[in-house]
Amino acid sequence: MRLDGRKDPRVKMDHRQPVNLMSSDGTWRRSCVLLDVSQTGAKLEVEGTLDVLQAKEFFLVLSSTGLAYRRCELIWIDGSTAGVHFVNGNGKKKSASAKAVAAQSK
């Protein structure tokens, strides 16, 4: 059993990894730093105001070209740090049973 209560192990970044948050409709964008990441979510240090995160759902853009991204849902905010959960294609969080089925099919 994991001591931190997380289902998936997190990878902590050794170097500042710049990424961006962007609204689903493209009306806002925020620079941020990826602090850690797992298969199901990430912890970010957001630059600028966090009021736009009230949208609840947005994209974490991982590449400068915008070709690598994850759809996210805001889970928590603490100062300039935010926790996000990755959302699958149909707008729902992946269940543990869906992950198990996906792992078996590989």
C-alpha atoms as a PDB file:
ATOM      1  CA  MET A   1       0.000   0.000   0.000  1.00  0.00           C
ATOM      2  CA  ARG A   2       1.230   3.489  -0.858  1.00  0.00           C
ATOM      3  CA  LEU A   3       1.789   5.804   2.087  1.00  0.00           C
ATOM      4  CA  ASP A   4       0.582   8.943   0.294  1.00  0.00           C
ATOM      5  CA  GLY A   5      -2.814   7.387  -0.584  1.00  0.00           C
ATOM      6  CA  ARG A   6      -2.379   7.788  -4.338  1.00  0.00           C
ATOM      7  CA  LYS A   7      -3.494   5.043  -6.713  1.00  0.00           C
ATOM      8  CA  ASP A   8      -0.786   5.729  -9.299  1.00  0.00           C
ATOM      9  CA  PRO A   9       2.890   6.452  -8.603  1.00  0.00           C
ATOM     10  CA  ARG A  10       4.011   9.997  -9.371  1.00  0.00           C
ATOM     11  CA  VAL A  11       7.176  11.028 -11.156  1.00  0.00           C
ATOM     12  CA  LYS A  12       8.740  14.163  -9.683  1.00  0.00           C
ATOM     13  CA  MET A  13      10.487  16.428 -12.200  1.00  0.00           C
ATOM     14  CA  ASP A  14      14.209  17.005 -11.526  1.00  0.00           C
ATOM     15  CA  HIS A  15      14.227  20.138 -13.698  1.00  0.00           C
ATOM     16  CA  ARG A  16      11.654  22.864 -14.290  1.00  0.00           C
ATOM     17  CA  GLN A  17       9.454  21.508 -17.086  1.00  0.00           C
ATOM     18  CA  PRO A  18       7.523  24.409 -18.684  1.00  0.00           C
ATOM     19  CA  VAL A  19       3.998  23.579 -19.866  1.00  0.00           C
ATOM     20  CA  ASN A  20       0.790  25.556 -20.454  1.00  0.00           C
ATOM     21  CA  LEU A  21      -2.828  25.406 -19.408  1.00  0.00           C
ATOM     22  CA  MET A  22      -5.362  26.409 -22.054  1.00  0.00           C
ATOM     23  CA  SER A  23      -9.137  26.711 -21.950  1.00  0.00           C
ATOM     24  CA  SER A  24     -11.231  24.271 -23.947  1.00  0.00           C
ATOM     25  CA  ASP A  25     -12.366  27.116 -26.203  1.00  0.00           C
ATOM     26  CA  GLY A  26      -8.920  28.742 -26.513  1.00  0.00           C
ATOM     27  CA  THR A  27      -9.905  32.030 -24.801  1.00  0.00           C
ATOM     28  CA  TRP A  28      -7.174  31.899 -22.122  1.00  0.00           C
ATOM     29  CA  ARG A  29      -3.740  30.401 -21.574  1.00  0.00           C
ATOM     30  CA  ARG A  30      -1.464  30.241 -18.506  1.00  0.00           C
ATOM     31  CA  SER A  31       2.207  29.335 -18.321  1.00  0.00           C
ATOM     32  CA  CYS A  32       3.073  26.842 -15.622  1.00  0.00           C
ATOM     33  CA  VAL A  33       5.677  24.362 -14.463  1.00  0.00           C
ATOM     34  CA  LEU A  34       5.022  20.626 -14.221  1.00  0.00           C
ATOM     35  CA  LEU A  35       6.083  19.590 -10.706  1.00  0.00           C
ATOM     36  CA  ASP A  36       5.048  15.934 -10.838  1.00  0.00           C
ATOM     37  CA  VAL A  37       2.912  13.669 -12.988  1.00  0.00           C
ATOM     38  CA  SER A  38       1.253  10.256 -12.915  1.00  0.00           C
ATOM     39  CA  GLN A  39      -0.901   8.337 -15.342  1.00  0.00           C
ATOM     40  CA  THR A  40      -4.013   9.939 -13.861  1.00  0.00           C
ATOM     41  CA  GLY A  41      -2.994  13.484 -12.940  1.00  0.00           C
ATOM     42  CA  ALA A  42      -0.377  16.148 -12.267  1.00  0.00           C
ATOM     43  CA  LYS A  43       0.712  18.867  -9.878  1.00  0.00           C
ATOM     44  CA  LEU A  44       1.445  22.257 -11.445  1.00  0.00           C
ATOM     45  CA  GLU A  45       2.892  25.592 -10.362  1.00  0.00           C
ATOM     46  CA  VAL A  46       0.801  28.160 -12.229  1.00  0.00           C
ATOM     47  CA  GLU A  47       2.118  31.604 -13.207  1.00  0.00           C
ATOM     48  CA  GLY A  48      -0.306  34.516 -13.005  1.00  0.00           C
ATOM     49  CA  THR A  49      -3.855  34.547 -11.698  1.00  0.00           C
ATOM     50  CA  LEU A  50      -5.679  31.305 -11.059  1.00  0.00           C
ATOM     51  CA  ASP A  51      -9.185  32.731 -11.510  1.00  0.00           C
ATOM     52  CA  VAL A  52      -9.424  31.186 -14.993  1.00  0.00           C
ATOM     53  CA  LEU A  53      -9.132  27.700 -13.484  1.00  0.00           C
ATOM     54  CA  GLN A  54     -12.675  28.092 -12.186  1.00  0.00           C
ATOM     55  CA  ALA A  55     -13.660  26.796 -15.651  1.00  0.00           C
ATOM     56  CA  LYS A  56     -13.040  23.369 -14.045  1.00  0.00           C
ATOM     57  CA  GLU A  57     -12.031  21.694 -17.322  1.00  0.00           C
ATOM     58  CA  PHE A  58      -9.167  22.713 -19.610  1.00  0.00           C
ATOM     59  CA  PHE A  59      -6.128  21.362 -21.470  1.00  0.00           C
ATOM     60  CA  LEU A  60      -2.597  20.787 -20.191  1.00  0.00           C
ATOM     61  CA  VAL A  61      -0.445  21.524 -23.247  1.00  0.00           C
ATOM     62  CA  LEU A  62       2.806  19.586 -22.965  1.00  0.00           C
ATOM     63  CA  SER A  63       4.581  20.660 -26.171  1.00  0.00           C
ATOM     64  CA  SER A  64       5.388  24.035 -27.702  1.00  0.00           C
ATOM     65  CA  THR A  65       3.555  23.023 -30.898  1.00  0.00           C
ATOM     66  CA  GLY A  66       0.409  22.007 -29.022  1.00  0.00           C
ATOM     67  CA  LEU A  67       0.440  18.481 -30.439  1.00  0.00           C
ATOM     68  CA  ALA A  68       0.910  16.811 -27.029  1.00  0.00           C
ATOM     69  CA  TYR A  69      -1.831  17.623 -24.540  1.00  0.00           C
ATOM     70  CA  ARG A  70      -4.121  16.123 -21.895  1.00  0.00           C
ATOM     71  CA  ARG A  71      -7.681  17.103 -21.057  1.00  0.00           C
ATOM     72  CA  CYS A  72      -7.826  18.005 -17.353  1.00  0.00           C
ATOM     73  CA  GLU A  73     -10.189  18.673 -14.507  1.00  0.00           C
ATOM     74  CA  LEU A  74      -9.196  20.913 -11.595  1.00  0.00           C
ATOM     75  CA  ILE A  75      -9.041  18.993  -8.303  1.00  0.00           C
ATOM     76  CA  TRP A  76      -7.436  21.466  -5.884  1.00  0.00           C
ATOM     77  CA  ILE A  77      -5.628  24.823  -5.607  1.00  0.00           C
ATOM     78  CA  ASP A  78      -3.168  25.815  -2.879  1.00  0.00           C
ATOM     79  CA  GLY A  79      -1.607  29.235  -3.496  1.00  0.00           C
ATOM     80  CA  SER A  80       0.049  29.078  -6.935  1.00  0.00           C
ATOM     81  CA  THR A  81       0.015  25.250  -6.999  1.00  0.00           C
ATOM     82  CA  ALA A  82      -2.821  23.253  -8.561  1.00  0.00           C
ATOM     83  CA  GLY A  83      -3.678  19.572  -8.797  1.00  0.00           C
ATOM     84  CA  VAL A  84      -5.354  18.254 -11.939  1.00  0.00           C
ATOM     85  CA  HIS A  85      -6.882  14.927 -12.896  1.00  0.00           C
ATOM     86  CA  PHE A  86      -6.657  13.718 -16.491  1.00  0.00           C
ATOM     87  CA  VAL A  87     -10.020  13.119 -18.180  1.00  0.00           C
ATOM     88  CA  ASN A  88     -10.468  10.543 -20.950  1.00  0.00           C
ATOM     89  CA  GLY A  89     -12.034  11.246 -24.369  1.00  0.00           C
ATOM     90  CA  ASN A  90     -15.693  10.987 -23.326  1.00  0.00           C
ATOM     91  CA  GLY A  91     -15.300  13.440 -20.429  1.00  0.00           C
ATOM     92  CA  LYS A  92     -15.177  10.860 -17.647  1.00  0.00           C
ATOM     93  CA  LYS A  93     -12.380   9.827 -15.348  1.00  0.00           C
ATOM     94  CA  LYS A  94     -10.972   6.408 -16.092  1.00  0.00           C
ATOM     95  CA  SER A  95     -12.117   3.837 -13.572  1.00  0.00           C
ATOM     96  CA  ALA A  96      -9.733   1.302 -12.075  1.00  0.00           C
ATOM     97  CA  SER A  97     -11.524  -1.523 -13.942  1.00  0.00           C
ATOM     98  CA  ALA A  98     -11.187   0.304 -17.280  1.00  0.00           C
ATOM     99  CA  LYS A  99      -7.453   0.725 -16.632  1.00  0.00           C
ATOM    100  CA  ALA A 100      -7.113  -2.970 -15.851  1.00  0.00           C
ATOM    101  CA  VAL A 101      -8.881  -3.962 -19.076  1.00  0.00           C
ATOM    102  CA  ALA A 102      -6.686  -1.559 -21.079  1.00  0.00           C
ATOM    103  CA  ALA A 103      -3.529  -2.984 -19.460  1.00  0.00           C
ATOM    104  CA  GLN A 104      -4.558  -6.568 -20.260  1.00  0.00           C
ATOM    105  CA  SER A 105      -5.189  -5.749 -23.908  1.00  0.00           C
ATOM    106  CA  LYS A 106      -1.617  -4.483 -24.416  1.00  0.00           C
END
